[in-house]
Amino acid sequence: MSLEPGDTFELRVTPDPYVTVRYAGASGDFNPIHIDEAFAKQVGLPGRILHGLWTMAQVARAHTDAAGGPDKLERLSVQFRGMGKLTDEIVVTGTVRELNDGVAIVESEAEQDGQRIIRNGEAEVRN
């Protein structure tokens, strides 16, 4: 698949109630705000929250899906701006800003319940 300036894409993903437990095991990040509901509430959170890097992985996934595979992603940068919640849909959007020597420069963000949880994303994907 070839990306051109102005092209847009979207990925919608709904994190299931157990994603933080699975991700903790895979990543080694067992911070209790991600896996212990009572602890998360005790420290003032609404409940367990998503790992930021899991959310960033969904941004990466949106880019690799749009570009035609994980081998196409050359660089990804994001700013974390909110807490991701379990069971609420996350919408990742991307827009190709420019194309330089076969590499698409893509701007992206992730939103959940009307709140941007990742903003100022920028990726380089090979066409």
N, C-alpha and C. Protein backbone atom coordinates (compact mmCIF):
# COMPACT_ATOMS: atom_id res chain seq x y z
N MET A 1 0.85 -1.18 0.00
CA MET A 1 0.00 0.00 0.00
C MET A 1 0.89 1.24 0.00
N SER A 2 0.53 2.21 -0.78
CA SER A 2 1.31 3.44 -0.88
C SER A 2 0.55 4.60 -0.25
N LEU A 3 1.21 5.31 0.65
CA LEU A 3 0.60 6.46 1.30
C LEU A 3 0.99 7.72 0.57
N GLU A 4 0.04 8.64 0.44
CA GLU A 4 0.25 9.90 -0.26
C GLU A 4 -0.13 11.05 0.66
N PRO A 5 0.44 12.25 0.44
CA PRO A 5 0.06 13.41 1.26
C PRO A 5 -1.45 13.63 1.25
N GLY A 6 -2.00 13.85 2.44
CA GLY A 6 -3.44 14.05 2.58
C GLY A 6 -4.20 12.79 2.92
N ASP A 7 -3.60 11.62 2.70
CA ASP A 7 -4.27 10.36 3.07
C ASP A 7 -4.50 10.34 4.57
N THR A 8 -5.61 9.75 4.97
CA THR A 8 -5.92 9.60 6.39
C THR A 8 -6.21 8.13 6.68
N PHE A 9 -6.07 7.76 7.93
CA PHE A 9 -6.43 6.41 8.36
C PHE A 9 -6.91 6.46 9.80
N GLU A 10 -7.56 5.38 10.20
CA GLU A 10 -8.13 5.31 11.55
C GLU A 10 -8.06 3.87 12.03
N LEU A 11 -7.78 3.71 13.31
CA LEU A 11 -7.85 2.41 13.97
C LEU A 11 -8.72 2.58 15.20
N ARG A 12 -9.69 1.71 15.36
CA ARG A 12 -10.54 1.70 16.55
C ARG A 12 -10.26 0.41 17.31
N VAL A 13 -9.98 0.56 18.59
CA VAL A 13 -9.68 -0.60 19.43
C VAL A 13 -10.31 -0.39 20.80
N THR A 14 -10.93 -1.44 21.32
CA THR A 14 -11.53 -1.37 22.64
C THR A 14 -10.76 -2.30 23.58
N PRO A 15 -10.03 -1.71 24.53
CA PRO A 15 -9.25 -2.56 25.45
C PRO A 15 -10.18 -3.36 26.36
N ASP A 16 -9.94 -4.66 26.41
CA ASP A 16 -10.78 -5.51 27.25
C ASP A 16 -10.36 -5.39 28.72
N PRO A 17 -11.16 -5.90 29.64
CA PRO A 17 -10.87 -5.73 31.07
C PRO A 17 -9.58 -6.39 31.54
N TYR A 18 -9.00 -7.26 30.75
CA TYR A 18 -7.81 -8.01 31.18
C TYR A 18 -6.54 -7.59 30.46
N VAL A 19 -6.64 -6.60 29.57
CA VAL A 19 -5.47 -6.22 28.77
C VAL A 19 -4.31 -5.75 29.64
N THR A 20 -4.58 -5.05 30.72
CA THR A 20 -3.47 -4.56 31.55
C THR A 20 -2.76 -5.70 32.27
N VAL A 21 -3.49 -6.74 32.62
CA VAL A 21 -2.87 -7.90 33.28
C VAL A 21 -1.98 -8.63 32.27
N ARG A 22 -2.50 -8.85 31.06
CA ARG A 22 -1.68 -9.50 30.02
C ARG A 22 -0.46 -8.66 29.68
N TYR A 23 -0.67 -7.34 29.54
CA TYR A 23 0.45 -6.46 29.18
C TYR A 23 1.48 -6.41 30.30
N ALA A 24 1.04 -6.42 31.54
CA ALA A 24 1.99 -6.42 32.67
C ALA A 24 2.91 -7.63 32.58
N GLY A 25 2.33 -8.78 32.28
CA GLY A 25 3.14 -9.99 32.16
C GLY A 25 4.11 -9.93 30.99
N ALA A 26 3.67 -9.37 29.89
CA ALA A 26 4.52 -9.28 28.70
C ALA A 26 5.61 -8.23 28.86
N SER A 27 5.29 -7.12 29.53
CA SER A 27 6.23 -6.00 29.61
C SER A 27 7.07 -6.00 30.88
N GLY A 28 6.58 -6.69 31.90
CA GLY A 28 7.26 -6.65 33.19
C GLY A 28 6.88 -5.44 34.03
N ASP A 29 5.91 -4.66 33.57
CA ASP A 29 5.45 -3.46 34.29
C ASP A 29 4.25 -3.84 35.15
N PHE A 30 4.52 -4.18 36.39
CA PHE A 30 3.46 -4.61 37.31
C PHE A 30 3.05 -3.49 38.26
N ASN A 31 3.17 -2.25 37.85
CA ASN A 31 2.72 -1.13 38.67
C ASN A 31 1.26 -1.38 39.04
N PRO A 32 0.90 -1.35 40.32
CA PRO A 32 -0.46 -1.70 40.73
C PRO A 32 -1.56 -0.78 40.18
N ILE A 33 -1.22 0.40 39.68
CA ILE A 33 -2.28 1.24 39.09
C ILE A 33 -2.84 0.61 37.82
N HIS A 34 -2.11 -0.38 37.27
CA HIS A 34 -2.56 -1.05 36.05
C HIS A 34 -3.25 -2.38 36.33
N ILE A 35 -3.01 -2.97 37.50
CA ILE A 35 -3.51 -4.33 37.72
C ILE A 35 -4.34 -4.52 38.99
N ASP A 36 -4.36 -3.54 39.87
CA ASP A 36 -5.08 -3.66 41.14
C ASP A 36 -6.12 -2.54 41.26
N GLU A 37 -7.36 -2.90 41.06
CA GLU A 37 -8.46 -1.92 41.05
C GLU A 37 -8.54 -1.13 42.36
N ALA A 38 -8.46 -1.82 43.48
CA ALA A 38 -8.56 -1.15 44.77
C ALA A 38 -7.40 -0.17 44.98
N PHE A 39 -6.20 -0.59 44.62
CA PHE A 39 -5.05 0.31 44.76
C PHE A 39 -5.20 1.54 43.88
N ALA A 40 -5.60 1.33 42.65
CA ALA A 40 -5.77 2.46 41.72
C ALA A 40 -6.75 3.48 42.29
N LYS A 41 -7.85 3.01 42.84
CA LYS A 41 -8.83 3.92 43.43
C LYS A 41 -8.28 4.59 44.69
N GLN A 42 -7.51 3.84 45.46
CA GLN A 42 -6.93 4.38 46.69
C GLN A 42 -6.01 5.56 46.41
N VAL A 43 -5.34 5.56 45.25
CA VAL A 43 -4.44 6.66 44.92
C VAL A 43 -5.11 7.73 44.08
N GLY A 44 -6.44 7.68 43.98
CA GLY A 44 -7.20 8.75 43.34
C GLY A 44 -7.55 8.56 41.88
N LEU A 45 -7.28 7.40 41.35
CA LEU A 45 -7.64 7.13 39.96
C LEU A 45 -9.07 6.59 39.90
N PRO A 46 -9.71 6.66 38.74
CA PRO A 46 -11.07 6.13 38.62
C PRO A 46 -11.13 4.61 38.64
N GLY A 47 -10.01 3.98 38.52
CA GLY A 47 -9.86 2.53 38.46
C GLY A 47 -8.55 2.23 37.77
N ARG A 48 -8.34 0.95 37.43
CA ARG A 48 -7.10 0.60 36.73
C ARG A 48 -7.02 1.39 35.43
N ILE A 49 -5.82 1.81 35.06
CA ILE A 49 -5.63 2.54 33.82
C ILE A 49 -4.69 1.77 32.91
N LEU A 50 -4.79 2.07 31.63
CA LEU A 50 -3.94 1.41 30.65
C LEU A 50 -2.49 1.82 30.80
N HIS A 51 -1.60 0.93 30.45
CA HIS A 51 -0.18 1.27 30.34
C HIS A 51 -0.04 2.25 29.17
N GLY A 52 0.71 3.31 29.38
CA GLY A 52 0.93 4.26 28.29
C GLY A 52 1.58 3.62 27.08
N LEU A 53 2.51 2.72 27.32
CA LEU A 53 3.19 2.09 26.19
C LEU A 53 2.27 1.13 25.43
N TRP A 54 1.27 0.57 26.10
CA TRP A 54 0.28 -0.24 25.37
C TRP A 54 -0.49 0.68 24.42
N THR A 55 -0.85 1.86 24.92
CA THR A 55 -1.58 2.81 24.08
C THR A 55 -0.71 3.25 22.91
N MET A 56 0.56 3.52 23.18
CA MET A 56 1.47 3.88 22.10
C MET A 56 1.58 2.75 21.08
N ALA A 57 1.54 1.53 21.54
CA ALA A 57 1.59 0.39 20.62
C ALA A 57 0.40 0.38 19.68
N GLN A 58 -0.76 0.86 20.15
CA GLN A 58 -1.92 0.94 19.26
C GLN A 58 -1.71 2.01 18.19
N VAL A 59 -1.02 3.09 18.56
CA VAL A 59 -0.68 4.11 17.57
C VAL A 59 0.27 3.51 16.54
N ALA A 60 1.26 2.78 17.00
CA ALA A 60 2.18 2.11 16.07
C ALA A 60 1.42 1.15 15.17
N ARG A 61 0.51 0.40 15.74
CA ARG A 61 -0.29 -0.57 14.98
C ARG A 61 -1.09 0.12 13.89
N ALA A 62 -1.68 1.28 14.20
CA ALA A 62 -2.45 2.01 13.19
C ALA A 62 -1.56 2.36 12.00
N HIS A 63 -0.33 2.81 12.29
CA HIS A 63 0.59 3.17 11.22
C HIS A 63 1.03 1.95 10.40
N THR A 64 1.35 0.86 11.08
CA THR A 64 1.82 -0.31 10.35
C THR A 64 0.69 -0.94 9.53
N ASP A 65 -0.54 -0.91 10.06
CA ASP A 65 -1.68 -1.39 9.27
C ASP A 65 -1.85 -0.55 8.02
N ALA A 66 -1.76 0.77 8.16
CA ALA A 66 -1.95 1.67 7.02
C ALA A 66 -0.83 1.55 6.00
N ALA A 67 0.38 1.28 6.47
CA ALA A 67 1.54 1.25 5.58
C ALA A 67 1.80 -0.13 4.96
N GLY A 68 1.17 -1.17 5.51
CA GLY A 68 1.34 -2.49 4.92
C GLY A 68 2.24 -3.44 5.68
N GLY A 69 2.52 -3.16 6.95
CA GLY A 69 3.28 -4.11 7.75
C GLY A 69 4.23 -3.45 8.71
N PRO A 70 4.63 -4.18 9.77
CA PRO A 70 5.49 -3.60 10.80
C PRO A 70 6.88 -3.21 10.31
N ASP A 71 7.33 -3.84 9.23
CA ASP A 71 8.65 -3.50 8.70
C ASP A 71 8.68 -2.11 8.07
N LYS A 72 7.53 -1.48 7.87
CA LYS A 72 7.46 -0.16 7.24
C LYS A 72 7.68 0.99 8.22
N LEU A 73 7.45 0.75 9.51
CA LEU A 73 7.58 1.82 10.50
C LEU A 73 9.04 2.07 10.82
N GLU A 74 9.50 3.28 10.52
CA GLU A 74 10.91 3.61 10.77
C GLU A 74 11.11 4.46 12.02
N ARG A 75 10.11 5.25 12.38
CA ARG A 75 10.24 6.11 13.56
C ARG A 75 8.86 6.45 14.05
N LEU A 76 8.72 6.56 15.38
CA LEU A 76 7.45 6.97 15.99
C LEU A 76 7.75 7.79 17.23
N SER A 77 7.09 8.91 17.34
CA SER A 77 7.22 9.79 18.50
C SER A 77 5.82 10.23 18.91
N VAL A 78 5.53 10.22 20.21
CA VAL A 78 4.22 10.66 20.70
C VAL A 78 4.38 11.46 21.99
N GLN A 79 3.34 12.18 22.34
CA GLN A 79 3.25 12.82 23.65
C GLN A 79 2.06 12.19 24.37
N PHE A 80 2.29 11.69 25.58
CA PHE A 80 1.22 11.13 26.40
C PHE A 80 0.50 12.29 27.07
N ARG A 81 -0.83 12.35 26.94
CA ARG A 81 -1.58 13.48 27.46
C ARG A 81 -2.80 13.11 28.28
N GLY A 82 -3.01 11.85 28.55
CA GLY A 82 -4.16 11.46 29.34
C GLY A 82 -4.08 9.99 29.71
N MET A 83 -4.96 9.59 30.60
CA MET A 83 -5.00 8.20 31.06
C MET A 83 -5.99 7.42 30.21
N GLY A 84 -5.54 6.30 29.70
CA GLY A 84 -6.44 5.42 28.98
C GLY A 84 -7.20 4.54 29.95
N LYS A 85 -8.50 4.35 29.66
CA LYS A 85 -9.36 3.53 30.51
C LYS A 85 -9.69 2.20 29.84
N LEU A 86 -9.94 1.22 30.66
CA LEU A 86 -10.34 -0.09 30.16
C LEU A 86 -11.76 -0.03 29.62
N THR A 87 -12.04 -0.83 28.63
CA THR A 87 -13.35 -1.09 28.02
C THR A 87 -13.94 0.09 27.24
N ASP A 88 -13.28 1.23 27.17
CA ASP A 88 -13.77 2.35 26.36
C ASP A 88 -12.95 2.42 25.08
N GLU A 89 -13.63 2.54 23.96
CA GLU A 89 -12.97 2.54 22.65
C GLU A 89 -11.94 3.66 22.52
N ILE A 90 -10.82 3.31 21.94
CA ILE A 90 -9.78 4.27 21.59
C ILE A 90 -9.78 4.41 20.08
N VAL A 91 -9.71 5.66 19.61
CA VAL A 91 -9.67 5.92 18.17
C VAL A 91 -8.33 6.58 17.86
N VAL A 92 -7.55 5.90 17.05
CA VAL A 92 -6.27 6.43 16.59
C VAL A 92 -6.47 6.94 15.17
N THR A 93 -6.06 8.18 14.92
CA THR A 93 -6.17 8.74 13.58
C THR A 93 -4.80 9.21 13.11
N GLY A 94 -4.61 9.15 11.82
CA GLY A 94 -3.36 9.61 11.23
C GLY A 94 -3.62 10.31 9.91
N THR A 95 -2.78 11.28 9.61
CA THR A 95 -2.85 12.01 8.35
C THR A 95 -1.44 12.14 7.80
N VAL A 96 -1.28 11.78 6.54
CA VAL A 96 0.03 11.91 5.90
C VAL A 96 0.26 13.39 5.59
N ARG A 97 1.30 13.94 6.20
CA ARG A 97 1.63 15.35 6.00
C ARG A 97 2.45 15.57 4.73
N GLU A 98 3.43 14.70 4.53
CA GLU A 98 4.30 14.86 3.36
C GLU A 98 4.95 13.54 3.01
N LEU A 99 5.54 13.52 1.83
CA LEU A 99 6.25 12.34 1.35
C LEU A 99 7.63 12.79 0.90
N ASN A 100 8.68 12.20 1.49
CA ASN A 100 10.06 12.55 1.17
C ASN A 100 10.84 11.30 0.81
N ASP A 101 11.27 11.20 -0.42
CA ASP A 101 12.10 10.06 -0.86
C ASP A 101 11.51 8.71 -0.45
N GLY A 102 10.22 8.55 -0.65
CA GLY A 102 9.57 7.28 -0.35
C GLY A 102 9.21 7.05 1.10
N VAL A 103 9.39 8.07 1.93
CA VAL A 103 9.04 7.95 3.34
C VAL A 103 7.91 8.93 3.64
N ALA A 104 6.80 8.40 4.12
CA ALA A 104 5.65 9.24 4.47
C ALA A 104 5.82 9.76 5.89
N ILE A 105 5.63 11.06 6.08
CA ILE A 105 5.64 11.67 7.40
C ILE A 105 4.18 11.79 7.82
N VAL A 106 3.83 11.16 8.93
CA VAL A 106 2.44 11.04 9.35
C VAL A 106 2.25 11.69 10.71
N GLU A 107 1.20 12.51 10.83
CA GLU A 107 0.81 13.09 12.12
C GLU A 107 -0.34 12.25 12.67
N SER A 108 -0.33 12.01 13.98
CA SER A 108 -1.37 11.14 14.55
C SER A 108 -1.69 11.52 15.98
N GLU A 109 -2.82 10.97 16.44
CA GLU A 109 -3.23 11.13 17.83
C GLU A 109 -4.16 9.98 18.18
N ALA A 110 -4.39 9.82 19.49
CA ALA A 110 -5.33 8.82 19.98
C ALA A 110 -6.29 9.51 20.93
N GLU A 111 -7.56 9.17 20.79
CA GLU A 111 -8.62 9.80 21.57
C GLU A 111 -9.49 8.73 22.21
N GLN A 112 -9.95 9.02 23.42
CA GLN A 112 -10.87 8.11 24.11
C GLN A 112 -11.90 8.96 24.83
N ASP A 113 -13.16 8.71 24.58
CA ASP A 113 -14.26 9.46 25.21
C ASP A 113 -14.11 10.97 25.01
N GLY A 114 -13.68 11.37 23.82
CA GLY A 114 -13.56 12.78 23.52
C GLY A 114 -12.32 13.45 24.07
N GLN A 115 -11.44 12.70 24.73
CA GLN A 115 -10.21 13.24 25.30
C GLN A 115 -9.01 12.68 24.54
N ARG A 116 -8.10 13.57 24.16
CA ARG A 116 -6.88 13.09 23.51
C ARG A 116 -5.96 12.51 24.59
N ILE A 117 -5.66 11.23 24.44
CA ILE A 117 -4.75 10.60 25.39
C ILE A 117 -3.34 10.51 24.83
N ILE A 118 -3.21 10.63 23.52
CA ILE A 118 -1.92 10.78 22.86
C ILE A 118 -2.09 11.88 21.82
N ARG A 119 -1.15 12.82 21.82
CA ARG A 119 -1.20 13.88 20.82
C ARG A 119 0.19 14.11 20.25
N ASN A 120 0.24 14.94 19.23
CA ASN A 120 1.50 15.29 18.56
C ASN A 120 2.31 14.05 18.16
N GLY A 121 1.60 13.02 17.74
CA GLY A 121 2.30 11.85 17.22
C GLY A 121 2.88 12.16 15.86
N GLU A 122 4.06 11.64 15.62
CA GLU A 122 4.67 11.78 14.31
C GLU A 122 5.40 10.48 13.99
N ALA A 123 5.17 10.00 12.80
CA ALA A 123 5.80 8.75 12.39
C ALA A 123 6.39 8.90 11.00
N GLU A 124 7.38 8.09 10.73
CA GLU A 124 7.93 7.96 9.39
C GLU A 124 7.69 6.51 8.98
N VAL A 125 7.00 6.35 7.87
CA VAL A 125 6.74 5.01 7.35
C VAL A 125 7.21 4.93 5.89
N ARG A 126 7.88 3.85 5.59
CA ARG A 126 8.38 3.63 4.23
C ARG A 126 7.24 3.19 3.33
N ASN A 127 7.18 3.79 2.18
CA ASN A 127 6.18 3.39 1.18
C ASN A 127 6.65 2.18 0.41
